[in-house]
Protein backbone atom coordinates (compact mmCIF):
# COMPACT_ATOMS: atom_id res chain seq x y z
CA MET A 1 5.18 28.04 6.33
CA SER A 2 5.39 28.90 10.04
CA ASN A 3 8.25 27.52 12.14
CA SER A 4 5.81 25.20 13.92
CA LEU A 5 4.61 23.77 10.62
CA ILE A 6 8.14 23.36 9.37
CA GLN A 7 9.05 21.50 12.56
CA SER A 8 5.90 19.40 12.28
CA ARG A 9 6.83 18.31 8.79
CA ARG A 10 10.39 17.61 9.79
CA ARG A 11 9.18 15.55 12.81
CA PHE A 12 7.01 13.60 10.38
CA LEU A 13 10.02 12.78 8.23
CA MET A 14 12.11 11.82 11.26
CA ASN A 15 9.45 9.75 12.88
CA VAL A 16 9.14 7.48 9.90
CA GLY A 17 12.88 7.21 9.74
CA ALA A 18 15.61 8.27 7.35
CA SER A 19 16.81 6.00 4.60
CA ALA A 20 19.90 5.50 2.52
CA ILE A 21 19.58 6.05 -1.16
CA THR A 22 19.34 2.31 -1.87
CA LEU A 23 16.86 0.26 0.18
CA PRO A 24 15.56 -3.29 0.09
CA VAL A 25 12.71 -3.65 -2.34
CA LEU A 26 10.17 -4.40 0.37
CA THR A 27 10.60 -1.02 2.08
CA ASP A 28 9.90 2.57 1.14
CA ALA A 29 12.13 5.59 1.42
CA PHE A 30 11.85 5.60 5.17
CA GLY A 31 12.22 1.91 5.86
CA ASN A 32 8.52 1.20 6.07
CA SER A 33 6.74 -1.71 4.40
CA ILE A 34 5.47 -0.68 1.00
CA GLN A 35 2.03 -1.98 2.04
CA SER A 36 0.15 -1.25 5.22
CA GLU A 37 0.15 -4.03 7.75
CA PRO A 38 -3.10 -6.03 7.53
CA ARG A 39 -5.42 -5.04 10.37
CA GLN A 40 -7.70 -7.10 12.48
CA GLY A 41 -11.33 -5.99 12.09
CA ARG A 42 -13.14 -4.14 9.37
CA LYS A 43 -11.70 -1.80 6.76
CA LEU A 44 -13.07 1.69 6.47
CA GLY A 45 -15.68 2.02 3.75
CA ILE A 46 -14.97 4.71 1.12
CA ALA A 47 -17.58 6.23 -1.19
CA LEU A 48 -16.32 7.87 -4.37
CA VAL A 49 -18.19 11.03 -5.33
CA GLY A 50 -17.79 11.42 -9.12
CA LEU A 51 -16.95 8.49 -11.39
CA GLY A 52 -14.77 10.19 -14.02
CA SER A 53 -11.47 8.92 -15.33
CA TYR A 54 -9.50 9.32 -12.06
CA SER A 55 -12.03 7.33 -10.06
CA LYS A 56 -12.41 4.73 -12.82
CA ASN A 57 -8.78 4.24 -13.80
CA GLN A 58 -6.89 5.01 -10.59
CA LEU A 59 -8.90 5.06 -7.35
CA ALA A 60 -11.25 2.11 -7.87
CA PRO A 61 -8.43 -0.26 -8.96
CA ALA A 62 -6.26 1.00 -6.04
CA LEU A 63 -9.03 0.20 -3.60
CA GLN A 64 -8.71 -3.43 -4.65
CA GLN A 65 -5.16 -3.39 -3.18
CA THR A 66 -5.72 -1.47 0.03
CA GLN A 67 -5.39 -2.93 3.55
CA ASN A 68 -7.22 -0.32 5.65
CA CYS A 69 -10.06 0.72 3.36
CA ARG A 70 -12.36 -0.60 0.69
CA LEU A 71 -14.70 0.65 -2.05
CA ALA A 72 -18.07 0.69 -0.27
CA GLY A 73 -20.16 3.12 -2.30
CA VAL A 74 -20.45 5.56 -5.20
CA VAL A 75 -22.14 8.86 -6.01
CA THR A 76 -22.91 9.67 -9.60
CA GLY A 77 -25.36 11.59 -11.69
CA THR A 78 -25.25 8.96 -14.50
CA PRO A 79 -27.52 5.93 -13.91
CA SER A 80 -25.65 3.81 -16.43
CA LYS A 81 -22.39 4.35 -14.49
CA ALA A 82 -24.13 3.39 -11.32
CA GLU A 83 -25.23 0.06 -12.81
CA GLU A 84 -21.78 -0.60 -14.24
CA TRP A 85 -20.02 0.01 -10.93
CA MET A 86 -22.51 -2.04 -8.92
CA GLN A 87 -21.90 -5.06 -11.13
CA LYS A 88 -18.14 -4.60 -11.47
CA TYR A 89 -17.42 -4.02 -7.77
CA ASN A 90 -20.30 -5.78 -6.15
CA ILE A 91 -21.58 -2.55 -4.59
CA PRO A 92 -25.03 -2.89 -3.00
CA LYS A 93 -27.76 -0.62 -4.38
CA ALA A 94 -28.20 0.89 -0.91
CA ASN A 95 -24.70 2.30 -1.20
CA VAL A 96 -25.30 4.08 -4.54
CA TYR A 97 -26.40 7.71 -4.50
CA ASP A 98 -26.88 10.53 -6.92
CA TYR A 99 -26.12 14.21 -6.24
CA LYS A 100 -29.62 14.89 -5.00
CA THR A 101 -29.84 11.91 -2.65
CA PHE A 102 -26.26 12.24 -1.44
CA ASP A 103 -27.15 13.60 2.00
CA ARG A 104 -28.88 10.28 2.86
CA ILE A 105 -25.37 8.89 3.16
CA ALA A 106 -25.56 10.13 6.76
CA ASP A 107 -27.68 7.09 7.56
CA ASN A 108 -25.28 4.56 5.98
CA LYS A 109 -23.03 2.96 8.54
CA ASP A 110 -21.23 1.08 5.80
CA ILE A 111 -19.54 4.29 4.58
CA ASP A 112 -16.95 6.00 6.79
CA VAL A 113 -15.09 8.21 4.29
CA VAL A 114 -16.35 10.27 1.34
CA TYR A 115 -13.72 10.89 -1.42
CA VAL A 116 -14.69 13.93 -3.52
CA VAL A 117 -13.48 13.47 -7.09
CA LEU A 118 -15.42 16.21 -8.88
CA PRO A 119 -14.53 19.33 -10.87
CA ASN A 120 -12.76 21.85 -8.71
CA SER A 121 -15.71 24.20 -8.41
CA MET A 122 -17.80 21.44 -6.81
CA HIS A 123 -15.37 20.47 -4.12
CA GLU A 124 -16.65 22.93 -1.53
CA GLU A 125 -20.28 21.89 -1.76
CA PHE A 126 -19.69 18.15 -1.44
CA VAL A 127 -16.95 18.36 1.25
CA VAL A 128 -19.33 20.45 3.36
CA ARG A 129 -22.28 18.08 2.72
CA ALA A 130 -20.09 15.05 3.49
CA ALA A 131 -18.96 16.59 6.78
CA GLN A 132 -22.54 17.47 7.69
CA ALA A 133 -23.47 13.85 6.96
CA GLY A 134 -20.95 12.79 9.62
CA LYS A 135 -18.25 11.40 7.28
CA HIS A 136 -14.54 11.91 7.18
CA VAL A 137 -13.50 13.43 3.79
CA ILE A 138 -10.73 13.09 1.24
CA CYS A 139 -10.83 15.81 -1.43
CA GLU A 140 -8.93 15.83 -4.67
CA LYS A 141 -6.45 18.64 -5.30
CA PRO A 142 -6.64 21.52 -5.75
CA MET A 143 -8.77 21.73 -2.68
CA ALA A 144 -10.97 24.45 -4.21
CA ILE A 145 -10.77 27.43 -6.49
CA THR A 146 -10.71 30.15 -3.82
CA PRO A 147 -9.17 30.43 -0.34
CA LYS A 148 -12.62 31.30 1.06
CA ALA A 149 -14.06 28.00 -0.23
CA CYS A 150 -11.11 26.17 1.36
CA GLN A 151 -11.76 27.88 4.70
CA ASN A 152 -15.44 26.96 4.56
CA MET A 153 -14.48 23.30 3.99
CA ILE A 154 -12.06 23.29 6.90
CA GLU A 155 -14.60 24.88 9.21
CA ALA A 156 -17.35 22.49 8.18
CA CYS A 157 -15.20 19.46 8.98
CA LYS A 158 -14.11 20.92 12.31
CA LYS A 159 -17.69 21.71 13.24
CA ALA A 160 -18.65 18.14 12.47
CA ASN A 161 -15.61 16.77 14.31
CA LYS A 162 -14.47 14.96 11.14
CA GLN A 163 -11.07 14.95 9.52
CA LEU A 164 -10.33 16.35 6.06
CA ALA A 165 -7.49 15.07 3.87
CA ILE A 166 -6.42 16.43 0.47
CA GLY A 167 -5.40 14.03 -2.34
CA TYR A 168 -1.64 14.57 -2.01
CA ARG A 169 -0.83 10.99 -3.00
CA LEU A 170 2.86 11.79 -3.57
CA HIS A 171 3.43 12.44 0.16
CA TYR A 172 3.15 8.66 0.61
CA GLU A 173 5.21 7.71 -2.45
CA PRO A 174 8.76 6.41 -1.77
CA PHE A 175 10.71 8.42 -4.38
CA THR A 176 9.00 11.62 -3.32
CA LYS A 177 9.60 10.92 0.37
CA GLU A 178 13.27 10.36 -0.39
CA VAL A 179 13.71 13.71 -2.14
CA MET A 180 11.89 15.35 0.80
CA ARG A 181 14.55 13.81 3.03
CA LEU A 182 17.41 14.78 0.78
CA GLY A 183 16.29 18.37 0.64
CA GLN A 184 15.00 19.02 4.13
CA GLU A 185 17.91 17.24 5.83
CA LYS A 186 20.41 19.05 3.50
CA VAL A 187 22.11 15.76 2.52
CA PHE A 188 23.86 17.61 -0.31
CA GLY A 189 24.06 20.89 1.58
CA PRO A 190 21.71 23.87 1.32
CA ILE A 191 19.48 24.04 -1.72
CA LYS A 192 20.35 26.87 -4.05
CA PHE A 193 18.07 26.40 -7.03
CA ILE A 194 15.00 24.31 -7.86
CA GLU A 195 13.29 23.53 -11.13
CA SER A 196 9.78 22.13 -10.50
CA SER A 197 7.63 21.84 -13.59
CA ASP A 198 4.67 19.80 -14.80
CA GLY A 199 2.73 20.00 -18.09
CA PHE A 200 1.16 17.96 -20.83
CA ARG A 201 -0.76 18.42 -24.09
CA ILE A 202 -4.43 18.41 -23.23
CA GLY A 203 -6.99 16.69 -25.46
CA ASP A 204 -10.74 17.42 -25.62
CA PRO A 205 -11.09 21.25 -25.56
CA THR A 206 -14.68 20.97 -24.29
CA GLN A 207 -13.77 19.20 -20.99
CA TRP A 208 -14.37 20.91 -17.69
CA ARG A 209 -10.64 21.52 -17.18
CA MET A 210 -10.84 24.09 -19.99
CA LYS A 211 -13.72 26.00 -18.36
CA LYS A 212 -12.50 28.65 -15.89
CA ASP A 213 -15.72 28.66 -13.87
CA MET A 214 -15.33 24.92 -13.18
CA ALA A 215 -11.59 24.56 -12.95
CA GLY A 216 -10.61 27.94 -11.57
CA GLY A 217 -7.94 28.26 -14.29
CA GLY A 218 -5.93 26.19 -16.68
CA PRO A 219 -2.84 23.96 -16.24
CA LEU A 220 -1.75 25.76 -13.04
CA MET A 221 -4.90 24.52 -11.25
CA ASP A 222 -4.50 21.06 -12.71
CA VAL A 223 -0.88 19.90 -12.78
CA GLY A 224 0.85 23.18 -11.84
CA ILE A 225 -0.05 22.51 -8.22
CA TYR A 226 2.35 19.54 -8.30
CA ALA A 227 5.14 21.92 -9.23
CA VAL A 228 4.18 24.25 -6.38
CA GLN A 229 4.13 21.34 -3.98
CA GLY A 230 7.51 20.05 -5.25
CA SER A 231 9.41 23.25 -4.51
CA ARG A 232 7.77 23.43 -1.08
CA TYR A 233 8.41 19.89 0.03
CA VAL A 234 12.04 19.62 -1.05
CA THR A 235 12.86 22.83 0.89
CA GLY A 236 10.46 22.30 3.77
CA GLU A 237 9.86 26.09 3.48
CA GLU A 238 7.14 28.47 2.33
CA PRO A 239 8.02 30.88 -0.48
CA ILE A 240 8.34 34.58 0.49
CA SER A 241 7.76 36.09 -2.97
CA VAL A 242 6.62 35.17 -6.44
CA THR A 243 6.92 36.57 -9.95
CA ALA A 244 5.10 35.03 -12.91
CA GLN A 245 4.46 35.33 -16.63
CA PHE A 246 1.81 34.01 -19.06
CA SER A 247 3.11 32.70 -22.37
CA PRO A 248 1.58 33.99 -25.59
CA LYS A 249 -1.24 31.78 -26.70
CA THR A 250 -0.37 29.70 -29.74
CA GLU A 251 -3.93 28.30 -29.87
CA PRO A 252 -6.06 31.29 -28.77
CA GLN A 253 -9.36 29.72 -29.77
CA LYS A 254 -8.73 26.58 -27.83
CA PHE A 255 -7.43 28.53 -24.80
CA LYS A 256 -9.91 31.42 -24.81
CA ASP A 257 -10.99 30.74 -21.25
CA VAL A 258 -7.78 29.62 -19.46
CA GLU A 259 -4.04 30.07 -19.71
CA GLU A 260 -2.06 27.89 -22.11
CA THR A 261 1.37 28.06 -20.43
CA LEU A 262 2.53 29.79 -17.28
CA PHE A 263 5.90 30.42 -15.75
CA TRP A 264 6.63 31.46 -12.16
CA GLN A 265 9.57 31.99 -9.78
CA PHE A 266 9.59 31.59 -5.99
CA GLU A 267 12.05 32.95 -3.51
CA PHE A 268 12.45 31.04 -0.15
CA PRO A 269 13.60 32.28 3.25
CA SER A 270 16.84 30.22 3.02
CA GLY A 271 17.83 32.02 -0.17
CA ALA A 272 16.80 29.16 -2.45
CA VAL A 273 15.03 30.15 -5.68
CA SER A 274 12.79 28.09 -7.92
CA ASN A 275 11.74 28.28 -11.57
CA SER A 276 8.61 26.50 -12.71
CA THR A 277 6.56 25.90 -15.83
CA THR A 278 3.10 24.44 -16.31
CA SER A 279 1.44 23.92 -19.68
CA TYR A 280 -1.42 22.35 -21.57
CA THR A 281 0.51 22.36 -24.88
CA ALA A 282 3.82 20.63 -24.03
CA GLY A 283 5.05 17.76 -21.90
CA ILE A 284 7.37 18.49 -18.96
CA GLU A 285 7.67 16.63 -15.64
CA ARG A 286 10.79 17.32 -13.58
CA LEU A 287 11.78 18.17 -10.02
CA TYR A 288 15.46 19.17 -9.78
CA ALA A 289 17.38 20.67 -6.83
CA ALA A 290 20.87 22.09 -7.15
CA CYS A 291 22.59 22.13 -3.78
CA GLN A 292 25.85 23.47 -2.39
CA ASN A 293 27.50 20.01 -2.56
CA GLY A 294 25.57 18.18 -5.29
CA TRP A 295 22.14 17.73 -6.77
CA PHE A 296 19.15 15.44 -6.94
CA GLU A 297 16.18 15.02 -9.26
CA LEU A 298 13.07 13.12 -10.10
CA SER A 299 12.05 12.76 -13.74
CA PRO A 300 9.27 11.69 -14.17
CA ALA A 301 8.43 13.44 -10.89
CA PHE A 302 4.67 13.87 -10.50
CA GLY A 303 2.74 11.35 -12.57
CA TYR A 304 1.15 8.09 -11.54
CA GLY A 305 4.44 6.26 -11.91
CA PRO A 306 6.77 4.72 -12.04
CA LEU A 307 8.85 7.72 -10.95
CA LYS A 308 12.55 7.78 -11.53
CA GLY A 309 15.29 9.57 -9.59
CA ARG A 310 19.01 10.15 -9.41
CA THR A 311 21.50 12.26 -7.52
CA SER A 312 25.02 13.51 -8.12
CA LYS A 313 26.15 10.33 -6.34
CA GLY A 314 24.05 7.89 -8.35
CA PRO A 315 20.55 6.59 -8.90
CA ILE A 316 17.80 6.69 -6.35
CA GLU A 317 16.52 3.19 -5.84
CA GLN A 318 13.03 2.87 -4.33
CA PRO A 319 10.16 0.44 -4.70
CA VAL A 320 7.44 1.12 -7.24
CA VAL A 321 4.08 1.31 -5.49
CA ASN A 322 0.47 2.18 -6.26
CA HIS A 323 0.30 5.84 -5.29
CA GLN A 324 -3.44 5.94 -4.66
CA ALA A 325 -3.45 2.78 -2.54
CA MET A 326 -0.59 4.08 -0.38
CA HIS A 327 -2.30 7.42 0.03
CA MET A 328 -5.74 6.04 1.00
CA ASP A 329 -4.23 3.37 3.23
CA GLY A 330 -2.08 5.99 5.00
CA VAL A 331 -5.07 8.26 5.65
CA CYS A 332 -7.34 5.45 6.76
CA LYS A 333 -4.75 3.94 9.06
CA ASP A 334 -4.59 7.22 10.99
CA LEU A 335 -8.36 7.41 11.08
CA LEU A 336 -8.62 3.82 12.33
CA ASP A 337 -6.00 4.54 14.95
CA GLY A 338 -7.84 7.65 16.10
CA LYS A 339 -4.90 9.92 15.22
CA LYS A 340 -4.94 13.45 13.92
CA LEU A 341 -3.90 13.46 10.26
CA PRO A 342 -0.43 14.90 9.62
CA ASP A 343 -0.37 18.55 8.68
CA HIS A 344 1.10 17.91 5.28
CA ILE A 345 -2.11 16.42 3.86
CA THR A 346 -4.84 18.36 5.70
CA GLY A 347 -7.15 21.09 4.56
CA GLU A 348 -4.77 23.64 5.96
CA GLU A 349 -2.14 22.39 3.50
CA GLY A 350 -4.65 22.57 0.68
CA LEU A 351 -5.49 26.15 1.64
CA ARG A 352 -1.80 27.15 1.55
CA ASP A 353 -1.54 25.78 -2.01
CA VAL A 354 -4.64 27.58 -3.21
CA ARG A 355 -3.37 30.86 -1.79
CA LEU A 356 -0.13 30.32 -3.69
CA LEU A 357 -1.94 29.46 -6.89
CA GLN A 358 -3.92 32.72 -6.67
CA ALA A 359 -0.74 34.67 -5.91
CA ILE A 360 0.88 33.21 -9.04
CA TYR A 361 -2.06 34.37 -11.15
CA ARG A 362 -1.92 37.85 -9.60
CA ALA A 363 1.80 38.09 -10.30
CA ALA A 364 1.25 37.07 -13.96
CA GLU A 365 -1.70 39.43 -14.40
CA THR A 366 0.04 42.47 -12.86
CA GLY A 367 3.65 41.80 -13.87
CA ARG A 368 4.63 42.63 -10.30
CA LYS A 369 6.54 40.69 -7.64
CA ILE A 370 4.03 39.57 -5.03
CA ASP A 371 5.17 39.60 -1.39
CA LEU A 372 3.93 36.36 0.24
CA LYS A 373 5.10 37.17 3.76
CA ALA A 374 2.01 39.27 4.58
């Protein structure tokens, strides 16, 4: 990360205010209300593109709790899902599209933001189409499966004068914001070592996440990105090198198309080093930082919550919030206020992550240390 980006991220943390480790239950890690202040006037209308499990189980329920945005429309290729969602959420038929009619959303003044919740390989197409339709965009992570696709998405939004946010929900989550503060402000002194790992045992082997052409890879492209993010946001730095190793496949038939487990190691400019694991065969979810004068950790660290944290001085006490509601409300508040979205959730941030994911794969494939400074 460039010095300007590091300073931008630090200014973001400072602007929202530092916190003590224990805060009143009605505030987050930076002293803010855990819910956005109710606004006068209309909420921004969000259309969800793709009605899979994340939209169904996380985003749609969260949009019933938001202050700055609401569920206004859906895009799906399954007519039965369209009927179900119209009835459940009182969505007018005029706000329901399929993938062929999607571009007509340009004429719908009820929809301000398009949230792309599709397989990774489809992100580029629908972000570009949404921007061309004159809508702001939120795109699930990873942003895309190649840096070139990310760049195309960024350029399309800039050309349309629309903003692009990536689904980094944890950047609005109180426990996560607190460990950002602890690390970047060096509360326990300089960070020396980080463990940042995320994995789980995957179910259905026929799902799109197990198909390289749709997912771009295996667990690294799914939950491994959380571990990449974790080491970056606790240091506030960009890694300067990476080494990586694939594990032997214990279920080669199941994992014939993607990796099963992957390990990688980052070095950072400050001298901090990180060790990470991601896997589709075993559960791990931890973000730990050993510092010169103590330590801090989150475990669980990356899931939908509740997260749990502690430090060498005691537990981290923060309010439990709906991650998706906080994320969408935060993005939409900036859009309503006419502000530029903060760097840490933009397409440029998504591009940085995808470049790192590709570098990890190259390191594992070649067995070489990859220099990330170039």
